[in-house]
Amino acid sequence: MEKTIRLPGNEERLYISPPLVISFDTQLISQVNFQLPRLENEREASHFNAAPRLALLDGDAMPIPVKLDILAITSTAKVVDYEIETERYNKSAKRASLPQFATMMADDSTLLSDVSELDTVPPQSQTLTEQRLKYWFRLADPQTRNHFLQWAEKQPPS
């Protein structure tokens, strides 16, 4: 999660939360809404770092059960490969891990040719949010990608 928070003296800074892993079942759900906590200052950001929380709601504003955890990054590389880190997490049998998904990710990698746009390191100018969006877009099935693109085209320019 990225958000500008206020510091003492009317200063501001960009807060970036640790990467989170959220697992939930959408088999019977057509819409998922994220309900994020209030993060306005350093104290609230520190509390979120210590105990992240959020809620997912379906299209009828009913809660969706979630498993939430922090993705501990083990890489010391300048650019983090979230795909590898997520695969490692899913193999770890932690709270929000999905071991069957780790296997699927590994199998998918064997289908790629020797060189792919997925293998290139993203430029430093890309934001963490953009990297995450691209990562999850690549993992989505074609129907979900099309739904997302249709939604994105309807959004007003920022």
C-alpha atoms as a PDB file:
ATOM      1  CA  MET A   1       0.000   0.000   0.000  1.00  0.00           C
ATOM      2  CA  GLU A   2       1.330   3.457  -0.892  1.00  0.00           C
ATOM      3  CA  LYS A   3       0.010   6.669   0.614  1.00  0.00           C
ATOM      4  CA  THR A   4       1.235  10.154   1.439  1.00  0.00           C
ATOM      5  CA  ILE A   5       1.161  10.625   5.206  1.00  0.00           C
ATOM      6  CA  ARG A   6       1.568  13.722   7.336  1.00  0.00           C
ATOM      7  CA  LEU A   7       4.572  14.279   9.552  1.00  0.00           C
ATOM      8  CA  PRO A   8       4.933  16.807  12.363  1.00  0.00           C
ATOM      9  CA  GLY A   9       5.451  20.350  11.097  1.00  0.00           C
ATOM     10  CA  ASN A  10       3.092  19.973   8.109  1.00  0.00           C
ATOM     11  CA  GLU A  11       5.646  17.860   6.242  1.00  0.00           C
ATOM     12  CA  GLU A  12       4.589  14.883   4.144  1.00  0.00           C
ATOM     13  CA  ARG A  13       6.261  11.687   2.989  1.00  0.00           C
ATOM     14  CA  LEU A  14       5.326   8.712   0.871  1.00  0.00           C
ATOM     15  CA  TYR A  15       4.543   5.702   3.039  1.00  0.00           C
ATOM     16  CA  ILE A  16       5.024   2.296   1.403  1.00  0.00           C
ATOM     17  CA  SER A  17       3.830  -0.666   3.421  1.00  0.00           C
ATOM     18  CA  PRO A  18       5.648  -3.951   3.476  1.00  0.00           C
ATOM     19  CA  PRO A  19       4.390  -6.184   0.655  1.00  0.00           C
ATOM     20  CA  LEU A  20       1.326  -8.152   1.722  1.00  0.00           C
ATOM     21  CA  VAL A  21       0.039 -11.577   0.774  1.00  0.00           C
ATOM     22  CA  ILE A  22      -3.741 -11.925   0.753  1.00  0.00           C
ATOM     23  CA  SER A  23      -5.511 -15.149  -0.106  1.00  0.00           C
ATOM     24  CA  PHE A  24      -9.261 -15.472  -0.552  1.00  0.00           C
ATOM     25  CA  ASP A  25     -11.785 -17.483  -2.550  1.00  0.00           C
ATOM     26  CA  THR A  26     -13.746 -15.783  -5.333  1.00  0.00           C
ATOM     27  CA  GLN A  27     -15.462 -18.808  -6.873  1.00  0.00           C
ATOM     28  CA  LEU A  28     -18.933 -17.443  -6.097  1.00  0.00           C
ATOM     29  CA  ILE A  29     -17.993 -13.755  -6.133  1.00  0.00           C
ATOM     30  CA  SER A  30     -18.071 -11.443  -9.151  1.00  0.00           C
ATOM     31  CA  GLN A  31     -16.811  -8.261  -7.470  1.00  0.00           C
ATOM     32  CA  VAL A  32     -14.137  -7.669  -4.826  1.00  0.00           C
ATOM     33  CA  ASN A  33     -13.742  -4.325  -3.054  1.00  0.00           C
ATOM     34  CA  PHE A  34     -10.753  -3.548  -0.867  1.00  0.00           C
ATOM     35  CA  GLN A  35     -11.512  -1.655   2.336  1.00  0.00           C
ATOM     36  CA  LEU A  36      -8.229  -0.164   3.542  1.00  0.00           C
ATOM     37  CA  PRO A  37      -7.539   1.244   6.990  1.00  0.00           C
ATOM     38  CA  ARG A  38      -7.026   4.916   7.665  1.00  0.00           C
ATOM     39  CA  LEU A  39      -3.347   5.825   7.334  1.00  0.00           C
ATOM     40  CA  GLU A  40      -2.838   9.532   7.837  1.00  0.00           C
ATOM     41  CA  ASN A  41       0.249   9.835  10.041  1.00  0.00           C
ATOM     42  CA  GLU A  42       3.445   8.118  11.193  1.00  0.00           C
ATOM     43  CA  ARG A  43       1.752   6.458  14.191  1.00  0.00           C
ATOM     44  CA  GLU A  44      -0.995   4.864  12.077  1.00  0.00           C
ATOM     45  CA  ALA A  45       1.603   3.721   9.528  1.00  0.00           C
ATOM     46  CA  SER A  46       3.697   2.120  12.297  1.00  0.00           C
ATOM     47  CA  HIS A  47       0.633   0.296  13.635  1.00  0.00           C
ATOM     48  CA  PHE A  48      -0.144  -0.972  10.125  1.00  0.00           C
ATOM     49  CA  ASN A  49       3.454  -2.180   9.700  1.00  0.00           C
ATOM     50  CA  ALA A  50       3.241  -4.100  12.980  1.00  0.00           C
ATOM     51  CA  ALA A  51      -0.215  -5.578  12.342  1.00  0.00           C
ATOM     52  CA  PRO A  52      -1.503  -5.079   8.784  1.00  0.00           C
ATOM     53  CA  ARG A  53      -5.241  -5.245   8.354  1.00  0.00           C
ATOM     54  CA  LEU A  54      -7.748  -4.722   5.598  1.00  0.00           C
ATOM     55  CA  ALA A  55     -11.131  -6.033   4.612  1.00  0.00           C
ATOM     56  CA  LEU A  56     -12.460  -7.415   1.360  1.00  0.00           C
ATOM     57  CA  LEU A  57     -16.122  -6.949   0.530  1.00  0.00           C
ATOM     58  CA  ASP A  58     -18.175  -8.498  -2.244  1.00  0.00           C
ATOM     59  CA  GLY A  59     -20.517  -6.530  -4.508  1.00  0.00           C
ATOM     60  CA  ASP A  60     -23.202  -6.602  -1.799  1.00  0.00           C
ATOM     61  CA  ALA A  61     -20.764  -5.189   0.803  1.00  0.00           C
ATOM     62  CA  MET A  62     -20.579  -8.570   2.551  1.00  0.00           C
ATOM     63  CA  PRO A  63     -17.195  -9.508   4.061  1.00  0.00           C
ATOM     64  CA  ILE A  64     -15.047 -11.993   2.179  1.00  0.00           C
ATOM     65  CA  PRO A  65     -12.932 -14.235   4.454  1.00  0.00           C
ATOM     66  CA  VAL A  66      -9.227 -13.494   3.951  1.00  0.00           C
ATOM     67  CA  LYS A  67      -5.879 -14.760   5.121  1.00  0.00           C
ATOM     68  CA  LEU A  68      -3.350 -11.938   5.373  1.00  0.00           C
ATOM     69  CA  ASP A  69       0.400 -12.007   5.922  1.00  0.00           C
ATOM     70  CA  ILE A  70       3.497  -9.927   5.249  1.00  0.00           C
ATOM     71  CA  LEU A  71       5.695 -11.068   2.367  1.00  0.00           C
ATOM     72  CA  ALA A  72       9.150 -11.161   3.941  1.00  0.00           C
ATOM     73  CA  ILE A  73      11.649 -10.230   1.236  1.00  0.00           C
ATOM     74  CA  THR A  74      14.824 -12.312   1.376  1.00  0.00           C
ATOM     75  CA  SER A  75      16.500 -10.876  -1.705  1.00  0.00           C
ATOM     76  CA  THR A  76      19.163  -8.208  -1.308  1.00  0.00           C
ATOM     77  CA  ALA A  77      18.921  -7.211  -4.975  1.00  0.00           C
ATOM     78  CA  LYS A  78      18.255  -3.581  -5.857  1.00  0.00           C
ATOM     79  CA  VAL A  79      15.046  -4.571  -7.670  1.00  0.00           C
ATOM     80  CA  VAL A  80      12.881  -7.158  -5.908  1.00  0.00           C
ATOM     81  CA  ASP A  81      11.453  -9.968  -8.015  1.00  0.00           C
ATOM     82  CA  TYR A  82       7.994 -10.279  -6.464  1.00  0.00           C
ATOM     83  CA  GLU A  83       7.161 -13.317  -8.570  1.00  0.00           C
ATOM     84  CA  ILE A  84      10.053 -15.305  -7.092  1.00  0.00           C
ATOM     85  CA  GLU A  85       9.361 -14.019  -3.577  1.00  0.00           C
ATOM     86  CA  THR A  86       5.667 -14.932  -3.866  1.00  0.00           C
ATOM     87  CA  GLU A  87       6.517 -18.391  -5.166  1.00  0.00           C
ATOM     88  CA  ARG A  88       8.912 -18.891  -2.238  1.00  0.00           C
ATOM     89  CA  TYR A  89       6.196 -17.729   0.167  1.00  0.00           C
ATOM     90  CA  ASN A  90       3.593 -20.068  -1.338  1.00  0.00           C
ATOM     91  CA  LYS A  91       5.942 -23.014  -0.815  1.00  0.00           C
ATOM     92  CA  SER A  92       6.507 -22.074   2.844  1.00  0.00           C
ATOM     93  CA  ALA A  93       3.153 -23.262   4.294  1.00  0.00           C
ATOM     94  CA  LYS A  94       2.594 -19.923   6.021  1.00  0.00           C
ATOM     95  CA  ARG A  95      -0.760 -18.387   6.954  1.00  0.00           C
ATOM     96  CA  ALA A  96      -1.807 -17.029   3.530  1.00  0.00           C
ATOM     97  CA  SER A  97       0.235 -19.350   1.333  1.00  0.00           C
ATOM     98  CA  LEU A  98      -1.281 -21.369  -1.493  1.00  0.00           C
ATOM     99  CA  PRO A  99       1.124 -24.258  -2.197  1.00  0.00           C
ATOM    100  CA  GLN A 100      -0.817 -25.378  -5.279  1.00  0.00           C
ATOM    101  CA  PHE A 101      -0.306 -21.909  -6.749  1.00  0.00           C
ATOM    102  CA  ALA A 102       3.473 -22.108  -6.273  1.00  0.00           C
ATOM    103  CA  THR A 103       3.538 -25.305  -8.285  1.00  0.00           C
ATOM    104  CA  MET A 104       1.379 -23.732 -10.979  1.00  0.00           C
ATOM    105  CA  MET A 105       3.742 -20.759 -11.167  1.00  0.00           C
ATOM    106  CA  ALA A 106       6.735 -23.052 -11.519  1.00  0.00           C
ATOM    107  CA  ASP A 107       4.996 -25.024 -14.268  1.00  0.00           C
ATOM    108  CA  ASP A 108       4.102 -21.818 -16.118  1.00  0.00           C
ATOM    109  CA  SER A 109       7.753 -20.780 -16.226  1.00  0.00           C
ATOM    110  CA  THR A 110       8.665 -23.856 -18.267  1.00  0.00           C
ATOM    111  CA  LEU A 111       6.246 -22.725 -20.975  1.00  0.00           C
ATOM    112  CA  LEU A 112       8.127 -19.493 -21.602  1.00  0.00           C
ATOM    113  CA  SER A 113      10.694 -19.188 -24.363  1.00  0.00           C
ATOM    114  CA  ASP A 114      14.337 -18.467 -23.551  1.00  0.00           C
ATOM    115  CA  VAL A 115      13.767 -14.707 -23.577  1.00  0.00           C
ATOM    116  CA  SER A 116      10.531 -13.073 -22.502  1.00  0.00           C
ATOM    117  CA  GLU A 117       9.327  -9.673 -21.363  1.00  0.00           C
ATOM    118  CA  LEU A 118       8.692 -11.398 -18.018  1.00  0.00           C
ATOM    119  CA  ASP A 119      12.435 -11.971 -17.664  1.00  0.00           C
ATOM    120  CA  THR A 120      13.468  -8.350 -18.029  1.00  0.00           C
ATOM    121  CA  VAL A 121      14.211  -6.295 -14.964  1.00  0.00           C
ATOM    122  CA  PRO A 122      11.756  -3.392 -14.743  1.00  0.00           C
ATOM    123  CA  PRO A 123      13.287   0.068 -15.105  1.00  0.00           C
ATOM    124  CA  GLN A 124      13.969   1.953 -11.902  1.00  0.00           C
ATOM    125  CA  SER A 125      11.395   4.566 -12.921  1.00  0.00           C
ATOM    126  CA  GLN A 126       8.522   2.109 -12.463  1.00  0.00           C
ATOM    127  CA  THR A 127       6.755   2.490  -9.179  1.00  0.00           C
ATOM    128  CA  LEU A 128       6.180  -0.399  -6.851  1.00  0.00           C
ATOM    129  CA  THR A 129       2.466  -0.125  -7.567  1.00  0.00           C
ATOM    130  CA  GLU A 130       3.038  -0.435 -11.309  1.00  0.00           C
ATOM    131  CA  GLN A 131       5.243  -3.491 -10.806  1.00  0.00           C
ATOM    132  CA  ARG A 132       2.566  -5.124  -8.652  1.00  0.00           C
ATOM    133  CA  LEU A 133      -0.186  -4.352 -11.174  1.00  0.00           C
ATOM    134  CA  LYS A 134       1.847  -5.865 -14.002  1.00  0.00           C
ATOM    135  CA  TYR A 135       2.670  -8.925 -11.905  1.00  0.00           C
ATOM    136  CA  TRP A 136      -0.957  -9.692 -11.047  1.00  0.00           C
ATOM    137  CA  PHE A 137      -2.124  -8.899 -14.590  1.00  0.00           C
ATOM    138  CA  ARG A 138       0.285 -11.509 -15.977  1.00  0.00           C
ATOM    139  CA  LEU A 139      -1.074 -14.099 -13.539  1.00  0.00           C
ATOM    140  CA  ALA A 140      -4.728 -13.484 -14.422  1.00  0.00           C
ATOM    141  CA  ASP A 141      -6.611 -15.710 -16.824  1.00  0.00           C
ATOM    142  CA  PRO A 142      -7.613 -14.175 -20.207  1.00  0.00           C
ATOM    143  CA  GLN A 143     -11.208 -13.497 -19.129  1.00  0.00           C
ATOM    144  CA  THR A 144     -10.095 -11.626 -15.999  1.00  0.00           C
ATOM    145  CA  ARG A 145      -7.571  -9.637 -18.044  1.00  0.00           C
ATOM    146  CA  ASN A 146     -10.311  -8.612 -20.500  1.00  0.00           C
ATOM    147  CA  HIS A 147     -12.656  -7.585 -17.674  1.00  0.00           C
ATOM    148  CA  PHE A 148      -9.873  -5.532 -16.112  1.00  0.00           C
ATOM    149  CA  LEU A 149      -8.975  -3.838 -19.406  1.00  0.00           C
ATOM    150  CA  GLN A 150     -12.625  -2.972 -20.056  1.00  0.00           C
ATOM    151  CA  TRP A 151     -12.858  -1.478 -16.573  1.00  0.00           C
ATOM    152  CA  ALA A 152      -9.578   0.446 -17.001  1.00  0.00           C
ATOM    153  CA  GLU A 153     -10.715   1.969 -20.309  1.00  0.00           C
ATOM    154  CA  LYS A 154     -13.842   3.350 -18.607  1.00  0.00           C
ATOM    155  CA  GLN A 155     -11.851   5.133 -15.882  1.00  0.00           C
ATOM    156  CA  PRO A 156     -11.409   8.907 -16.172  1.00  0.00           C
ATOM    157  CA  PRO A 157      -7.847  10.053 -16.933  1.00  0.00           C
ATOM    158  CA  SER A 158      -5.896  11.109 -13.861  1.00  0.00           C
END
